[in-house]
Amino acid sequence: MRRRDFITLLGGTTVVVMCGVSVMGTTNKATAAPPFARQTVGFKNGAIVLSGALYKPPGNGPFPALIWNHGSEKVPDAGPQFDAVASIFVPAGYVVFAPVRRGHGRSKGQYIVDVVQQTRMSQGFEAANRLTVQLLETEQLDDQLAGLAYLKQLAFVSPDRMAVAGCSYGGIETLLGAERNVGYKVAISLSPAALSWDHNILLRKRLMQAVQGIKIPMLLLQPARDASLEPSRVLGAEAIRLGKPFTTKVYPDSGPEDERGHCFGGAKGMHVWADDAKAFLAANMPRA
């Protein structure tokens, strides 16, 4: 069993340093087919028609629920990602809803990566970086919140027991969603802005601002070989300064190589952080 050193800092902020060989949650892979049905649903953000993947535990509920924010991948709903997330949280008693933001998968609208790349080619890197922040904190966030509104009105969901999580662009969206004080009680952000940290100072500043506005318990997780570990260090330090209920954890550089990179390699690496995420929810989600 790996030794885990927990260092509790000001304001309840905790930094977890992992040493040794094994990792919490490595016993069960999260990529197996889920033992529950996936329902593809439609919802709207204004005039934009969006899609989402919905999963629920057996029974009538009401259940706590978790919004999963996907990353920048073009078709997040075509692979194993959503099923893998559901395999973690549905057995723990959560409804899981993965809203697919505009331009991704089945959702209508312009794909953010294409829009940013076109701006970079025509106006340069600074304009593209500025547009990235603008889109993430406006229409992309609004799509997430439209998914949250859809989820809250379902009869089997407890609207007072909502969590939000996501990786990469989804980790950014998790921070921005938590900042808005829209009813989330717990947030779990994986690899937020790790791919953008070194070249987009505007995004770094925006996430610092988000940390300042977040009032709920936040868990920020990164693999050892993420593109940058500065999100944990910098955002964690800001949370400490402000006395926020913010926990950061960087996993050890061990295990399969493809699970030590950005977002833990996606669905196949979700088992690495699954137990930590469930424990964080269990400790911080209000009871019914």
C-alpha atoms as a PDB file:
ATOM      1  CA  MET A   1       0.000   0.000   0.000  1.00  0.00           C
ATOM      2  CA  ARG A   2       1.364   3.428  -0.886  1.00  0.00           C
ATOM      3  CA  ARG A   3       2.050   5.807   1.956  1.00  0.00           C
ATOM      4  CA  ARG A   4      -0.008   9.015   1.675  1.00  0.00           C
ATOM      5  CA  ASP A   5       1.170  12.184   3.375  1.00  0.00           C
ATOM      6  CA  PHE A   6      -1.634  14.695   3.988  1.00  0.00           C
ATOM      7  CA  ILE A   7      -0.533  18.244   4.738  1.00  0.00           C
ATOM      8  CA  THR A   8      -3.373  20.463   5.946  1.00  0.00           C
ATOM      9  CA  LEU A   9      -2.761  24.146   5.360  1.00  0.00           C
ATOM     10  CA  LEU A  10      -4.506  27.413   6.125  1.00  0.00           C
ATOM     11  CA  GLY A  11      -8.252  27.630   5.614  1.00  0.00           C
ATOM     12  CA  GLY A  12      -8.685  23.867   5.498  1.00  0.00           C
ATOM     13  CA  THR A  13      -6.685  23.625   2.266  1.00  0.00           C
ATOM     14  CA  THR A  14      -4.944  20.267   1.945  1.00  0.00           C
ATOM     15  CA  VAL A  15      -2.037  19.279  -0.264  1.00  0.00           C
ATOM     16  CA  VAL A  16      -1.588  15.534  -0.717  1.00  0.00           C
ATOM     17  CA  VAL A  17       1.864  14.217  -1.502  1.00  0.00           C
ATOM     18  CA  MET A  18       1.944  10.578  -2.582  1.00  0.00           C
ATOM     19  CA  CYS A  19       4.949   8.345  -2.103  1.00  0.00           C
ATOM     20  CA  GLY A  20       5.549   4.679  -2.860  1.00  0.00           C
ATOM     21  CA  VAL A  21       4.306   2.253  -5.457  1.00  0.00           C
ATOM     22  CA  SER A  22       0.538   1.764  -5.689  1.00  0.00           C
ATOM     23  CA  VAL A  23      -2.223   4.347  -6.202  1.00  0.00           C
ATOM     24  CA  MET A  24      -5.632   4.626  -4.583  1.00  0.00           C
ATOM     25  CA  GLY A  25      -8.310   3.249  -6.853  1.00  0.00           C
ATOM     26  CA  THR A  26      -6.064   1.173  -9.085  1.00  0.00           C
ATOM     27  CA  THR A  27      -7.807  -2.123  -8.424  1.00  0.00           C
ATOM     28  CA  ASN A  28     -10.755  -1.670 -10.787  1.00  0.00           C
ATOM     29  CA  LYS A  29     -10.487  -0.208 -14.235  1.00  0.00           C
ATOM     30  CA  ALA A  30     -13.220   2.286 -15.136  1.00  0.00           C
ATOM     31  CA  THR A  31     -13.411   1.333 -18.788  1.00  0.00           C
ATOM     32  CA  ALA A  32     -15.730  -1.689 -18.497  1.00  0.00           C
ATOM     33  CA  ALA A  33     -19.213  -1.389 -19.944  1.00  0.00           C
ATOM     34  CA  PRO A  34     -21.484   0.200 -17.324  1.00  0.00           C
ATOM     35  CA  PRO A  35     -24.222  -1.987 -15.790  1.00  0.00           C
ATOM     36  CA  PHE A  36     -26.827   0.692 -16.455  1.00  0.00           C
ATOM     37  CA  ALA A  37     -28.427   2.357 -19.432  1.00  0.00           C
ATOM     38  CA  ARG A  38     -27.082   5.453 -21.163  1.00  0.00           C
ATOM     39  CA  GLN A  39     -29.765   7.802 -22.421  1.00  0.00           C
ATOM     40  CA  THR A  40     -28.947  10.404 -25.065  1.00  0.00           C
ATOM     41  CA  VAL A  41     -31.050  13.506 -24.459  1.00  0.00           C
ATOM     42  CA  GLY A  42     -31.507  16.882 -26.103  1.00  0.00           C
ATOM     43  CA  PHE A  43     -31.729  20.274 -24.438  1.00  0.00           C
ATOM     44  CA  LYS A  44     -31.258  23.898 -25.447  1.00  0.00           C
ATOM     45  CA  ASN A  45     -29.143  26.909 -24.611  1.00  0.00           C
ATOM     46  CA  GLY A  46     -31.248  29.631 -26.189  1.00  0.00           C
ATOM     47  CA  ALA A  47     -31.565  28.697 -29.847  1.00  0.00           C
ATOM     48  CA  ILE A  48     -28.656  26.235 -29.790  1.00  0.00           C
ATOM     49  CA  VAL A  49     -29.725  22.580 -29.655  1.00  0.00           C
ATOM     50  CA  LEU A  50     -27.349  20.534 -27.497  1.00  0.00           C
ATOM     51  CA  SER A  51     -26.962  16.856 -26.689  1.00  0.00           C
ATOM     52  CA  GLY A  52     -26.042  15.047 -23.506  1.00  0.00           C
ATOM     53  CA  ALA A  53     -25.485  11.586 -22.026  1.00  0.00           C
ATOM     54  CA  LEU A  54     -27.597  10.797 -18.964  1.00  0.00           C
ATOM     55  CA  TYR A  55     -27.144   7.918 -16.508  1.00  0.00           C
ATOM     56  CA  LYS A  56     -29.031   7.112 -13.314  1.00  0.00           C
ATOM     57  CA  PRO A  57     -28.911   4.541 -10.527  1.00  0.00           C
ATOM     58  CA  PRO A  58     -31.813   2.087 -10.208  1.00  0.00           C
ATOM     59  CA  GLY A  59     -34.794   3.378  -8.274  1.00  0.00           C
ATOM     60  CA  ASN A  60     -36.853   6.534  -8.115  1.00  0.00           C
ATOM     61  CA  GLY A  61     -34.531   8.827  -6.188  1.00  0.00           C
ATOM     62  CA  PRO A  62     -34.202  11.674  -5.699  1.00  0.00           C
ATOM     63  CA  PHE A  63     -30.466  11.140  -6.187  1.00  0.00           C
ATOM     64  CA  PRO A  64     -27.517  13.514  -5.928  1.00  0.00           C
ATOM     65  CA  ALA A  65     -26.152  14.348  -9.349  1.00  0.00           C
ATOM     66  CA  LEU A  66     -22.864  15.133 -11.053  1.00  0.00           C
ATOM     67  CA  ILE A  67     -22.285  17.191 -14.174  1.00  0.00           C
ATOM     68  CA  TRP A  68     -19.291  15.920 -16.166  1.00  0.00           C
ATOM     69  CA  ASN A  69     -17.560  18.504 -18.377  1.00  0.00           C
ATOM     70  CA  HIS A  70     -15.684  16.980 -21.323  1.00  0.00           C
ATOM     71  CA  GLY A  71     -12.503  18.461 -22.765  1.00  0.00           C
ATOM     72  CA  SER A  72     -11.758  20.022 -26.146  1.00  0.00           C
ATOM     73  CA  GLU A  73     -12.045  16.754 -28.104  1.00  0.00           C
ATOM     74  CA  LYS A  74     -14.286  17.047 -31.141  1.00  0.00           C
ATOM     75  CA  VAL A  75     -16.540  14.064 -30.461  1.00  0.00           C
ATOM     76  CA  PRO A  76     -16.455  13.288 -26.728  1.00  0.00           C
ATOM     77  CA  ASP A  77     -19.696  11.324 -26.873  1.00  0.00           C
ATOM     78  CA  ALA A  78     -18.373   8.760 -29.383  1.00  0.00           C
ATOM     79  CA  GLY A  79     -15.752   7.104 -27.178  1.00  0.00           C
ATOM     80  CA  PRO A  80     -15.694   5.433 -23.747  1.00  0.00           C
ATOM     81  CA  GLN A  81     -15.283   8.647 -21.714  1.00  0.00           C
ATOM     82  CA  PHE A  82     -18.859   9.172 -20.548  1.00  0.00           C
ATOM     83  CA  ASP A  83     -19.482   5.489 -19.798  1.00  0.00           C
ATOM     84  CA  ALA A  84     -16.243   5.385 -17.793  1.00  0.00           C
ATOM     85  CA  VAL A  85     -17.277   8.399 -15.724  1.00  0.00           C
ATOM     86  CA  ALA A  86     -20.693   6.865 -15.112  1.00  0.00           C
ATOM     87  CA  SER A  87     -19.028   3.614 -14.029  1.00  0.00           C
ATOM     88  CA  ILE A  88     -17.363   5.561 -11.219  1.00  0.00           C
ATOM     89  CA  PHE A  89     -20.207   7.677  -9.917  1.00  0.00           C
ATOM     90  CA  VAL A  90     -23.483   5.866 -10.688  1.00  0.00           C
ATOM     91  CA  PRO A  91     -22.631   2.896  -8.418  1.00  0.00           C
ATOM     92  CA  ALA A  92     -21.903   5.502  -5.728  1.00  0.00           C
ATOM     93  CA  GLY A  93     -25.526   6.643  -6.010  1.00  0.00           C
ATOM     94  CA  TYR A  94     -25.161   9.610  -8.385  1.00  0.00           C
ATOM     95  CA  VAL A  95     -27.050  10.566 -11.478  1.00  0.00           C
ATOM     96  CA  VAL A  96     -24.401  11.509 -14.052  1.00  0.00           C
ATOM     97  CA  PHE A  97     -25.079  13.964 -16.850  1.00  0.00           C
ATOM     98  CA  ALA A  98     -22.471  14.840 -19.476  1.00  0.00           C
ATOM     99  CA  PRO A  99     -23.677  17.845 -21.483  1.00  0.00           C
ATOM    100  CA  VAL A 100     -21.993  18.092 -24.867  1.00  0.00           C
ATOM    101  CA  ARG A 101     -21.099  21.722 -25.480  1.00  0.00           C
ATOM    102  CA  ARG A 102     -21.758  23.466 -28.796  1.00  0.00           C
ATOM    103  CA  GLY A 103     -19.810  22.290 -31.810  1.00  0.00           C
ATOM    104  CA  HIS A 104     -18.849  19.008 -30.150  1.00  0.00           C
ATOM    105  CA  GLY A 105     -20.376  15.645 -31.027  1.00  0.00           C
ATOM    106  CA  ARG A 106     -24.090  15.846 -31.804  1.00  0.00           C
ATOM    107  CA  SER A 107     -24.474  19.394 -30.460  1.00  0.00           C
ATOM    108  CA  LYS A 108     -25.062  22.210 -32.919  1.00  0.00           C
ATOM    109  CA  GLY A 109     -22.916  25.314 -33.214  1.00  0.00           C
ATOM    110  CA  GLN A 110     -19.285  26.131 -33.950  1.00  0.00           C
ATOM    111  CA  TYR A 111     -16.475  23.983 -32.581  1.00  0.00           C
ATOM    112  CA  ILE A 112     -14.331  26.092 -30.245  1.00  0.00           C
ATOM    113  CA  VAL A 113     -11.017  24.657 -31.453  1.00  0.00           C
ATOM    114  CA  ASP A 114     -11.807  25.553 -35.074  1.00  0.00           C
ATOM    115  CA  VAL A 115     -12.863  29.066 -34.117  1.00  0.00           C
ATOM    116  CA  VAL A 116      -9.696  29.670 -32.081  1.00  0.00           C
ATOM    117  CA  GLN A 117      -7.435  28.239 -34.778  1.00  0.00           C
ATOM    118  CA  GLN A 118      -9.026  30.464 -37.424  1.00  0.00           C
ATOM    119  CA  THR A 119      -8.471  33.486 -35.209  1.00  0.00           C
ATOM    120  CA  ARG A 120      -4.856  32.491 -34.585  1.00  0.00           C
ATOM    121  CA  MET A 121      -4.202  32.254 -38.312  1.00  0.00           C
ATOM    122  CA  SER A 122      -5.873  35.561 -39.159  1.00  0.00           C
ATOM    123  CA  GLN A 123      -5.082  37.699 -36.092  1.00  0.00           C
ATOM    124  CA  GLY A 124      -2.255  36.023 -34.200  1.00  0.00           C
ATOM    125  CA  PHE A 125      -1.674  34.228 -30.907  1.00  0.00           C
ATOM    126  CA  GLU A 126      -2.683  37.043 -28.562  1.00  0.00           C
ATOM    127  CA  ALA A 127      -6.089  37.429 -30.216  1.00  0.00           C
ATOM    128  CA  ALA A 128      -6.573  33.657 -30.165  1.00  0.00           C
ATOM    129  CA  ASN A 129      -5.714  33.466 -26.469  1.00  0.00           C
ATOM    130  CA  ARG A 130      -8.095  36.292 -25.689  1.00  0.00           C
ATOM    131  CA  LEU A 131     -10.866  34.609 -27.687  1.00  0.00           C
ATOM    132  CA  THR A 132     -10.240  31.280 -25.925  1.00  0.00           C
ATOM    133  CA  VAL A 133     -10.880  32.866 -22.532  1.00  0.00           C
ATOM    134  CA  GLN A 134     -13.908  34.736 -23.858  1.00  0.00           C
ATOM    135  CA  LEU A 135     -15.533  31.607 -25.296  1.00  0.00           C
ATOM    136  CA  LEU A 136     -14.781  29.461 -22.255  1.00  0.00           C
ATOM    137  CA  GLU A 137     -16.314  31.939 -19.826  1.00  0.00           C
ATOM    138  CA  THR A 138     -19.347  32.816 -21.979  1.00  0.00           C
ATOM    139  CA  GLU A 139     -20.973  30.432 -24.459  1.00  0.00           C
ATOM    140  CA  GLN A 140     -19.095  27.315 -23.334  1.00  0.00           C
ATOM    141  CA  LEU A 141     -19.957  28.002 -19.693  1.00  0.00           C
ATOM    142  CA  ASP A 142     -23.519  28.850 -20.655  1.00  0.00           C
ATOM    143  CA  ASP A 143     -23.831  25.432 -22.335  1.00  0.00           C
ATOM    144  CA  GLN A 144     -22.691  23.768 -19.117  1.00  0.00           C
ATOM    145  CA  LEU A 145     -25.199  25.774 -17.092  1.00  0.00           C
ATOM    146  CA  ALA A 146     -27.981  24.929 -19.556  1.00  0.00           C
ATOM    147  CA  GLY A 147     -27.149  21.288 -18.896  1.00  0.00           C
ATOM    148  CA  LEU A 148     -27.321  21.966 -15.167  1.00  0.00           C
ATOM    149  CA  ALA A 149     -30.744  23.586 -15.549  1.00  0.00           C
ATOM    150  CA  TYR A 150     -31.949  20.561 -17.528  1.00  0.00           C
ATOM    151  CA  LEU A 151     -30.640  18.196 -14.870  1.00  0.00           C
ATOM    152  CA  LYS A 152     -32.208  20.086 -11.960  1.00  0.00           C
ATOM    153  CA  GLN A 153     -35.721  19.714 -13.357  1.00  0.00           C
ATOM    154  CA  LEU A 154     -35.610  15.911 -13.549  1.00  0.00           C
ATOM    155  CA  ALA A 155     -37.911  14.308 -10.966  1.00  0.00           C
ATOM    156  CA  PHE A 156     -35.325  11.745  -9.834  1.00  0.00           C
ATOM    157  CA  VAL A 157     -32.612  14.380  -9.168  1.00  0.00           C
ATOM    158  CA  SER A 158     -32.090  16.200  -5.878  1.00  0.00           C
ATOM    159  CA  PRO A 159     -31.395  19.776  -7.045  1.00  0.00           C
ATOM    160  CA  ASP A 160     -29.797  20.669  -3.707  1.00  0.00           C
ATOM    161  CA  ARG A 161     -27.115  17.981  -4.025  1.00  0.00           C
ATOM    162  CA  MET A 162     -25.203  18.759  -7.203  1.00  0.00           C
ATOM    163  CA  ALA A 163     -21.522  18.265  -8.039  1.00  0.00           C
ATOM    164  CA  VAL A 164     -19.438  19.271 -11.042  1.00  0.00           C
ATOM    165  CA  ALA A 165     -16.306  17.663 -12.472  1.00  0.00           C
ATOM    166  CA  GLY A 166     -14.279  17.542 -15.673  1.00  0.00           C
ATOM    167  CA  CYS A 167     -10.829  17.344 -17.252  1.00  0.00           C
ATOM    168  CA  SER A 168      -8.705  19.702 -19.384  1.00  0.00           C
ATOM    169  CA  TYR A 169     -11.126  22.233 -20.955  1.00  0.00           C
ATOM    170  CA  GLY A 170     -13.670  20.436 -18.788  1.00  0.00           C
ATOM    171  CA  GLY A 171     -11.482  21.135 -15.763  1.00  0.00           C
ATOM    172  CA  ILE A 172     -11.505  24.809 -16.703  1.00  0.00           C
ATOM    173  CA  GLU A 173     -15.277  24.702 -17.104  1.00  0.00           C
ATOM    174  CA  THR A 174     -15.527  23.058 -13.680  1.00  0.00           C
ATOM    175  CA  LEU A 175     -13.667  25.968 -12.068  1.00  0.00           C
ATOM    176  CA  LEU A 176     -15.742  28.540 -13.955  1.00  0.00           C
ATOM    177  CA  GLY A 177     -18.997  26.743 -13.108  1.00  0.00           C
ATOM    178  CA  ALA A 178     -18.072  26.528  -9.424  1.00  0.00           C
ATOM    179  CA  GLU A 179     -17.267  30.243  -9.417  1.00  0.00           C
ATOM    180  CA  ARG A 180     -20.772  31.148 -10.564  1.00  0.00           C
ATOM    181  CA  ASN A 181     -22.492  29.927  -7.352  1.00  0.00           C
ATOM    182  CA  VAL A 182     -25.268  28.228  -9.321  1.00  0.00           C
ATOM    183  CA  GLY A 183     -25.965  25.485  -6.799  1.00  0.00           C
ATOM    184  CA  TYR A 184     -22.987  23.156  -7.051  1.00  0.00           C
ATOM    185  CA  LYS A 185     -21.953  21.848  -3.619  1.00  0.00           C
ATOM    186  CA  VAL A 186     -18.677  20.127  -4.601  1.00  0.00           C
ATOM    187  CA  ALA A 187     -16.281  20.474  -7.548  1.00  0.00           C
ATOM    188  CA  ILE A 188     -13.541  18.186  -8.898  1.00  0.00           C
ATOM    189  CA  SER A 189     -11.220  19.609 -11.552  1.00  0.00           C
ATOM    190  CA  LEU A 190      -8.658  17.472 -13.390  1.00  0.00           C
ATOM    191  CA  SER A 191      -5.730  18.915 -15.371  1.00  0.00           C
ATOM    192  CA  PRO A 192      -7.368  22.365 -15.765  1.00  0.00           C
ATOM    193  CA  ALA A 193      -5.536  24.462 -18.368  1.00  0.00           C
ATOM    194  CA  ALA A 194      -2.449  22.233 -18.169  1.00  0.00           C
ATOM    195  CA  LEU A 195      -2.074  22.293 -21.968  1.00  0.00           C
ATOM    196  CA  SER A 196      -2.574  26.068 -22.138  1.00  0.00           C
ATOM    197  CA  TRP A 197      -0.799  27.248 -18.991  1.00  0.00           C
ATOM    198  CA  ASP A 198       2.579  28.121 -20.483  1.00  0.00           C
ATOM    199  CA  HIS A 199       1.290  30.144 -23.426  1.00  0.00           C
ATOM    200  CA  ASN A 200      -1.964  31.783 -22.304  1.00  0.00           C
ATOM    201  CA  ILE A 201      -1.388  34.232 -19.473  1.00  0.00           C
ATOM    202  CA  LEU A 202      -4.931  35.577 -19.851  1.00  0.00           C
ATOM    203  CA  LEU A 203      -6.333  32.144 -19.049  1.00  0.00           C
ATOM    204  CA  ARG A 204      -4.037  31.823 -16.035  1.00  0.00           C
ATOM    205  CA  LYS A 205      -5.300  35.150 -14.715  1.00  0.00           C
ATOM    206  CA  ARG A 206      -8.909  34.157 -15.335  1.00  0.00           C
ATOM    207  CA  LEU A 207      -8.528  30.942 -13.364  1.00  0.00           C
ATOM    208  CA  MET A 208      -6.891  32.821 -10.501  1.00  0.00           C
ATOM    209  CA  GLN A 209      -9.985  35.037 -10.502  1.00  0.00           C
ATOM    210  CA  ALA A 210     -12.192  31.939 -10.497  1.00  0.00           C
ATOM    211  CA  VAL A 211     -10.432  30.543  -7.428  1.00  0.00           C
ATOM    212  CA  GLN A 212     -11.074  33.814  -5.652  1.00  0.00           C
ATOM    213  CA  GLY A 213     -14.812  33.463  -6.276  1.00  0.00           C
ATOM    214  CA  ILE A 214     -15.215  29.755  -5.471  1.00  0.00           C
ATOM    215  CA  LYS A 215     -16.884  29.108  -2.120  1.00  0.00           C
ATOM    216  CA  ILE A 216     -17.473  25.342  -2.284  1.00  0.00           C
ATOM    217  CA  PRO A 217     -15.032  22.485  -1.562  1.00  0.00           C
ATOM    218  CA  MET A 218     -12.768  21.992  -4.577  1.00  0.00           C
ATOM    219  CA  LEU A 219     -10.491  19.064  -5.449  1.00  0.00           C
ATOM    220  CA  LEU A 220      -7.839  19.666  -8.135  1.00  0.00           C
ATOM    221  CA  LEU A 221      -6.097  16.528  -9.436  1.00  0.00           C
ATOM    222  CA  GLN A 222      -3.175  16.127 -11.850  1.00  0.00           C
ATOM    223  CA  PRO A 223      -1.031  13.230 -13.101  1.00  0.00           C
ATOM    224  CA  ALA A 224       2.719  13.418 -12.655  1.00  0.00           C
ATOM    225  CA  ARG A 225       3.463  13.983 -16.343  1.00  0.00           C
ATOM    226  CA  ASP A 226       0.715  16.469 -17.123  1.00  0.00           C
ATOM    227  CA  ALA A 227       1.659  19.145 -19.654  1.00  0.00           C
ATOM    228  CA  SER A 228       2.157  21.542 -16.737  1.00  0.00           C
ATOM    229  CA  LEU A 229       1.829  21.088 -12.984  1.00  0.00           C
ATOM    230  CA  GLU A 230       1.586  24.837 -12.441  1.00  0.00           C
ATOM    231  CA  PRO A 231      -2.237  24.778 -12.153  1.00  0.00           C
ATOM    232  CA  SER A 232      -1.950  22.779  -8.920  1.00  0.00           C
ATOM    233  CA  ARG A 233       0.915  24.851  -7.583  1.00  0.00           C
ATOM    234  CA  VAL A 234      -0.340  28.310  -8.511  1.00  0.00           C
ATOM    235  CA  LEU A 235      -4.077  27.862  -7.994  1.00  0.00           C
ATOM    236  CA  GLY A 236      -3.435  25.888  -4.822  1.00  0.00           C
ATOM    237  CA  ALA A 237      -1.203  28.670  -3.454  1.00  0.00           C
ATOM    238  CA  GLU A 238      -3.873  31.264  -4.211  1.00  0.00           C
ATOM    239  CA  ALA A 239      -6.467  29.154  -2.421  1.00  0.00           C
ATOM    240  CA  ILE A 240      -4.166  28.873   0.598  1.00  0.00           C
ATOM    241  CA  ARG A 241      -3.693  32.643   0.627  1.00  0.00           C
ATOM    242  CA  LEU A 242      -7.454  33.138   0.628  1.00  0.00           C
ATOM    243  CA  GLY A 243      -8.243  30.361   3.101  1.00  0.00           C
ATOM    244  CA  LYS A 244     -10.379  28.448   0.599  1.00  0.00           C
ATOM    245  CA  PRO A 245     -11.588  24.825   1.075  1.00  0.00           C
ATOM    246  CA  PHE A 246      -9.332  23.728  -1.789  1.00  0.00           C
ATOM    247  CA  THR A 247      -7.405  20.441  -2.030  1.00  0.00           C
ATOM    248  CA  THR A 248      -4.720  19.730  -4.617  1.00  0.00           C
ATOM    249  CA  LYS A 249      -3.123  16.403  -5.434  1.00  0.00           C
ATOM    250  CA  VAL A 250      -0.418  15.446  -7.908  1.00  0.00           C
ATOM    251  CA  TYR A 251      -0.122  11.683  -8.354  1.00  0.00           C
ATOM    252  CA  PRO A 252       3.241   9.879  -8.309  1.00  0.00           C
ATOM    253  CA  ASP A 253       5.175   9.141 -11.466  1.00  0.00           C
ATOM    254  CA  SER A 254       4.401   5.424 -11.441  1.00  0.00           C
ATOM    255  CA  GLY A 255       2.074   3.014 -13.166  1.00  0.00           C
ATOM    256  CA  PRO A 256       1.395   2.677 -16.907  1.00  0.00           C
ATOM    257  CA  GLU A 257       3.038   5.478 -18.866  1.00  0.00           C
ATOM    258  CA  ASP A 258      -0.124   6.337 -20.794  1.00  0.00           C
ATOM    259  CA  GLU A 259      -1.953   6.977 -17.490  1.00  0.00           C
ATOM    260  CA  ARG A 260       0.630   9.480 -16.234  1.00  0.00           C
ATOM    261  CA  GLY A 261      -0.017  12.124 -18.891  1.00  0.00           C
ATOM    262  CA  HIS A 262      -2.698  14.744 -19.430  1.00  0.00           C
ATOM    263  CA  CYS A 263      -6.096  13.747 -17.995  1.00  0.00           C
ATOM    264  CA  PHE A 264      -4.588  10.415 -16.907  1.00  0.00           C
ATOM    265  CA  GLY A 265      -4.902   9.224 -20.487  1.00  0.00           C
ATOM    266  CA  GLY A 266      -8.682   9.575 -20.526  1.00  0.00           C
ATOM    267  CA  ALA A 267     -11.099   6.744 -19.770  1.00  0.00           C
ATOM    268  CA  LYS A 268      -8.414   4.099 -19.251  1.00  0.00           C
ATOM    269  CA  GLY A 269      -6.785   6.122 -16.466  1.00  0.00           C
ATOM    270  CA  MET A 270      -9.883   7.166 -14.558  1.00  0.00           C
ATOM    271  CA  HIS A 271      -9.358   4.320 -12.087  1.00  0.00           C
ATOM    272  CA  VAL A 272      -6.312   6.229 -10.775  1.00  0.00           C
ATOM    273  CA  TRP A 273      -8.370   9.084  -9.338  1.00  0.00           C
ATOM    274  CA  ALA A 274     -11.793   7.447  -8.943  1.00  0.00           C
ATOM    275  CA  ASP A 275     -11.555   6.518  -5.260  1.00  0.00           C
ATOM    276  CA  ASP A 276     -10.188   9.938  -4.295  1.00  0.00           C
ATOM    277  CA  ALA A 277     -13.029  11.652  -6.133  1.00  0.00           C
ATOM    278  CA  LYS A 278     -15.695   9.470  -4.521  1.00  0.00           C
ATOM    279  CA  ALA A 279     -14.175   9.980  -1.077  1.00  0.00           C
ATOM    280  CA  PHE A 280     -14.153  13.746  -1.614  1.00  0.00           C
ATOM    281  CA  LEU A 281     -17.807  13.711  -2.621  1.00  0.00           C
ATOM    282  CA  ALA A 282     -18.731  11.534   0.349  1.00  0.00           C
ATOM    283  CA  ALA A 283     -16.957  13.910   2.734  1.00  0.00           C
ATOM    284  CA  ASN A 284     -18.354  17.135   1.300  1.00  0.00           C
ATOM    285  CA  MET A 285     -21.739  16.526  -0.341  1.00  0.00           C
ATOM    286  CA  PRO A 286     -24.612  17.485   1.997  1.00  0.00           C
ATOM    287  CA  ARG A 287     -26.688  14.557   3.149  1.00  0.00           C
ATOM    288  CA  ALA A 288     -30.281  14.193   2.028  1.00  0.00           C
END
